[in-house]
Amino acid sequence: MRLGLLVLGGVFVFCVAAVVILKLMPAPLKDTDYLVIGSVATLVSLLVMFLVLIATRPKTPDPFFKRRKKKR
């Protein structure tokens, strides 16, 4: 369930970012313009997904590392 919502959210953010950037770019678009639009939309969607994962993870002092259990 959580993974599906994350994927749908990422696709939604990608589409919104791509549409916004398409509206901001000047009218005669070249192939490289579409490449840049897709790249920026991908970057934005991955950044949003990263921030959502960090925000929804249980609060720990350092969210990027887990402590190992000590072997006895």
N, C-alpha and C. Protein backbone atom coordinates (compact mmCIF):
# COMPACT_ATOMS: atom_id res chain seq x y z
N MET A 1 0.83 -1.20 0.00
CA MET A 1 0.00 0.00 0.00
C MET A 1 0.88 1.27 0.00
N ARG A 2 1.84 1.30 0.92
CA ARG A 2 2.71 2.48 1.03
C ARG A 2 3.57 2.65 -0.22
N LEU A 3 4.06 1.53 -0.75
CA LEU A 3 4.89 1.59 -1.94
C LEU A 3 4.07 2.07 -3.14
N GLY A 4 2.84 1.60 -3.25
CA GLY A 4 1.97 2.04 -4.34
C GLY A 4 1.66 3.52 -4.28
N LEU A 5 1.40 4.03 -3.08
CA LEU A 5 1.15 5.46 -2.91
C LEU A 5 2.40 6.28 -3.24
N LEU A 6 3.55 5.76 -2.87
CA LEU A 6 4.80 6.47 -3.17
C LEU A 6 5.03 6.53 -4.68
N VAL A 7 4.78 5.42 -5.37
CA VAL A 7 4.96 5.40 -6.82
C VAL A 7 3.96 6.33 -7.50
N LEU A 8 2.70 6.28 -7.11
CA LEU A 8 1.69 7.17 -7.69
C LEU A 8 2.01 8.64 -7.41
N GLY A 9 2.47 8.92 -6.21
CA GLY A 9 2.86 10.28 -5.87
C GLY A 9 4.03 10.75 -6.71
N GLY A 10 5.01 9.88 -6.93
CA GLY A 10 6.15 10.23 -7.76
C GLY A 10 5.76 10.51 -9.20
N VAL A 11 4.86 9.68 -9.74
CA VAL A 11 4.39 9.89 -11.11
C VAL A 11 3.61 11.20 -11.21
N PHE A 12 2.77 11.47 -10.20
CA PHE A 12 1.99 12.70 -10.19
C PHE A 12 2.90 13.93 -10.14
N VAL A 13 3.89 13.90 -9.26
CA VAL A 13 4.82 15.03 -9.14
C VAL A 13 5.60 15.21 -10.43
N PHE A 14 6.01 14.10 -11.06
CA PHE A 14 6.72 14.18 -12.34
C PHE A 14 5.86 14.86 -13.40
N CYS A 15 4.60 14.43 -13.50
CA CYS A 15 3.70 15.01 -14.52
C CYS A 15 3.46 16.50 -14.27
N VAL A 16 3.23 16.86 -13.03
CA VAL A 16 2.99 18.27 -12.70
C VAL A 16 4.23 19.10 -13.01
N ALA A 17 5.41 18.60 -12.63
CA ALA A 17 6.64 19.34 -12.89
C ALA A 17 6.87 19.48 -14.40
N ALA A 18 6.62 18.43 -15.16
CA ALA A 18 6.82 18.49 -16.60
C ALA A 18 5.87 19.49 -17.25
N VAL A 19 4.61 19.51 -16.83
CA VAL A 19 3.64 20.44 -17.40
C VAL A 19 4.02 21.88 -17.06
N VAL A 20 4.42 22.11 -15.83
CA VAL A 20 4.81 23.47 -15.42
C VAL A 20 6.02 23.95 -16.22
N ILE A 21 7.01 23.09 -16.38
CA ILE A 21 8.19 23.49 -17.13
C ILE A 21 7.86 23.69 -18.61
N LEU A 22 6.96 22.86 -19.15
CA LEU A 22 6.53 23.05 -20.55
C LEU A 22 5.89 24.41 -20.75
N LYS A 23 5.09 24.84 -19.77
CA LYS A 23 4.44 26.16 -19.86
C LYS A 23 5.45 27.30 -19.75
N LEU A 24 6.54 27.08 -19.01
CA LEU A 24 7.52 28.14 -18.80
C LEU A 24 8.51 28.28 -19.96
N MET A 25 8.71 27.22 -20.72
CA MET A 25 9.68 27.26 -21.82
C MET A 25 9.11 28.05 -23.00
N PRO A 26 9.98 28.75 -23.74
CA PRO A 26 9.51 29.48 -24.92
C PRO A 26 8.97 28.52 -25.98
N ALA A 27 8.11 29.05 -26.86
CA ALA A 27 7.30 28.25 -27.78
C ALA A 27 8.05 27.30 -28.71
N PRO A 28 9.00 27.68 -29.52
CA PRO A 28 9.58 26.68 -30.43
C PRO A 28 10.52 25.72 -29.68
N LEU A 29 10.01 24.57 -29.29
CA LEU A 29 10.80 23.61 -28.51
C LEU A 29 11.57 22.67 -29.43
N LYS A 30 12.81 22.41 -29.08
CA LYS A 30 13.65 21.46 -29.80
C LYS A 30 13.70 20.15 -29.03
N ASP A 31 14.34 19.16 -29.61
CA ASP A 31 14.47 17.86 -28.93
C ASP A 31 15.24 18.00 -27.62
N THR A 32 16.26 18.85 -27.60
CA THR A 32 17.05 19.02 -26.38
C THR A 32 16.24 19.70 -25.28
N ASP A 33 15.27 20.53 -25.66
CA ASP A 33 14.41 21.16 -24.66
C ASP A 33 13.57 20.10 -23.94
N TYR A 34 13.05 19.14 -24.69
CA TYR A 34 12.28 18.06 -24.08
C TYR A 34 13.16 17.19 -23.18
N LEU A 35 14.42 17.01 -23.57
CA LEU A 35 15.36 16.27 -22.74
C LEU A 35 15.59 16.99 -21.41
N VAL A 36 15.76 18.29 -21.47
CA VAL A 36 15.97 19.08 -20.25
C VAL A 36 14.72 19.07 -19.38
N ILE A 37 13.55 19.19 -19.99
CA ILE A 37 12.30 19.17 -19.24
C ILE A 37 12.13 17.84 -18.52
N GLY A 38 12.39 16.74 -19.20
CA GLY A 38 12.29 15.43 -18.57
C GLY A 38 13.30 15.24 -17.47
N SER A 39 14.50 15.73 -17.67
CA SER A 39 15.54 15.59 -16.65
C SER A 39 15.22 16.39 -15.40
N VAL A 40 14.76 17.61 -15.57
CA VAL A 40 14.42 18.45 -14.42
C VAL A 40 13.20 17.88 -13.69
N ALA A 41 12.21 17.40 -14.43
CA ALA A 41 11.03 16.80 -13.81
C ALA A 41 11.40 15.54 -13.02
N THR A 42 12.33 14.75 -13.56
CA THR A 42 12.80 13.56 -12.85
C THR A 42 13.53 13.96 -11.57
N LEU A 43 14.38 14.97 -11.65
CA LEU A 43 15.11 15.44 -10.48
C LEU A 43 14.15 15.93 -9.40
N VAL A 44 13.15 16.69 -9.79
CA VAL A 44 12.18 17.22 -8.83
C VAL A 44 11.39 16.09 -8.18
N SER A 45 10.94 15.12 -8.98
CA SER A 45 10.15 14.03 -8.41
C SER A 45 10.98 13.16 -7.48
N LEU A 46 12.23 12.90 -7.82
CA LEU A 46 13.09 12.12 -6.92
C LEU A 46 13.38 12.87 -5.63
N LEU A 47 13.57 14.18 -5.72
CA LEU A 47 13.80 14.98 -4.52
C LEU A 47 12.58 14.97 -3.61
N VAL A 48 11.40 15.10 -4.19
CA VAL A 48 10.17 15.06 -3.39
C VAL A 48 9.99 13.69 -2.74
N MET A 49 10.25 12.63 -3.50
CA MET A 49 10.12 11.28 -2.93
C MET A 49 11.12 11.06 -1.80
N PHE A 50 12.33 11.57 -1.95
CA PHE A 50 13.34 11.45 -0.89
C PHE A 50 12.90 12.18 0.36
N LEU A 51 12.40 13.40 0.19
CA LEU A 51 11.95 14.18 1.35
C LEU A 51 10.76 13.53 2.04
N VAL A 52 9.85 12.94 1.27
CA VAL A 52 8.70 12.25 1.86
C VAL A 52 9.16 11.03 2.64
N LEU A 53 10.10 10.27 2.09
CA LEU A 53 10.61 9.10 2.82
C LEU A 53 11.32 9.50 4.10
N ILE A 54 12.09 10.57 4.07
CA ILE A 54 12.78 11.02 5.28
C ILE A 54 11.77 11.54 6.31
N ALA A 55 10.74 12.24 5.85
CA ALA A 55 9.77 12.82 6.77
C ALA A 55 8.88 11.77 7.41
N THR A 56 8.61 10.67 6.70
CA THR A 56 7.69 9.66 7.25
C THR A 56 8.41 8.55 7.99
N ARG A 57 9.73 8.54 7.95
CA ARG A 57 10.49 7.52 8.67
C ARG A 57 10.45 7.84 10.16
N PRO A 58 10.46 6.80 11.00
CA PRO A 58 10.48 7.08 12.44
C PRO A 58 11.64 8.00 12.81
N LYS A 59 11.37 8.89 13.72
CA LYS A 59 12.37 9.91 14.08
C LYS A 59 13.53 9.28 14.85
N THR A 60 14.70 9.43 14.29
CA THR A 60 15.93 8.99 14.93
C THR A 60 16.91 10.15 14.87
N PRO A 61 17.92 10.14 15.71
CA PRO A 61 18.89 11.23 15.67
C PRO A 61 19.59 11.35 14.32
N ASP A 62 19.90 10.21 13.70
CA ASP A 62 20.57 10.23 12.40
C ASP A 62 19.78 9.32 11.45
N PRO A 63 18.97 9.86 10.57
CA PRO A 63 18.07 9.03 9.75
C PRO A 63 18.78 8.21 8.68
N PHE A 64 20.05 8.46 8.41
CA PHE A 64 20.74 7.76 7.32
C PHE A 64 21.51 6.52 7.78
N PHE A 65 21.64 6.31 9.07
CA PHE A 65 22.39 5.17 9.58
C PHE A 65 21.57 4.44 10.63
N LYS A 66 21.68 3.12 10.63
CA LYS A 66 21.05 2.30 11.66
C LYS A 66 22.14 1.74 12.57
N ARG A 67 21.83 1.66 13.83
CA ARG A 67 22.78 1.06 14.76
C ARG A 67 22.66 -0.46 14.67
N ARG A 68 23.78 -1.10 14.68
CA ARG A 68 23.79 -2.56 14.69
C ARG A 68 23.60 -3.06 16.09
N LYS A 69 22.93 -4.21 16.18
CA LYS A 69 22.82 -4.84 17.50
C LYS A 69 24.15 -5.45 17.86
N LYS A 70 24.53 -5.29 19.11
CA LYS A 70 25.82 -5.83 19.56
C LYS A 70 25.74 -7.35 19.64
N LYS A 71 26.78 -7.99 19.12
CA LYS A 71 26.87 -9.44 19.22
C LYS A 71 27.41 -9.79 20.59
N ARG A 72 26.84 -10.82 21.19
CA ARG A 72 27.29 -11.22 22.53
C ARG A 72 27.99 -12.54 22.49
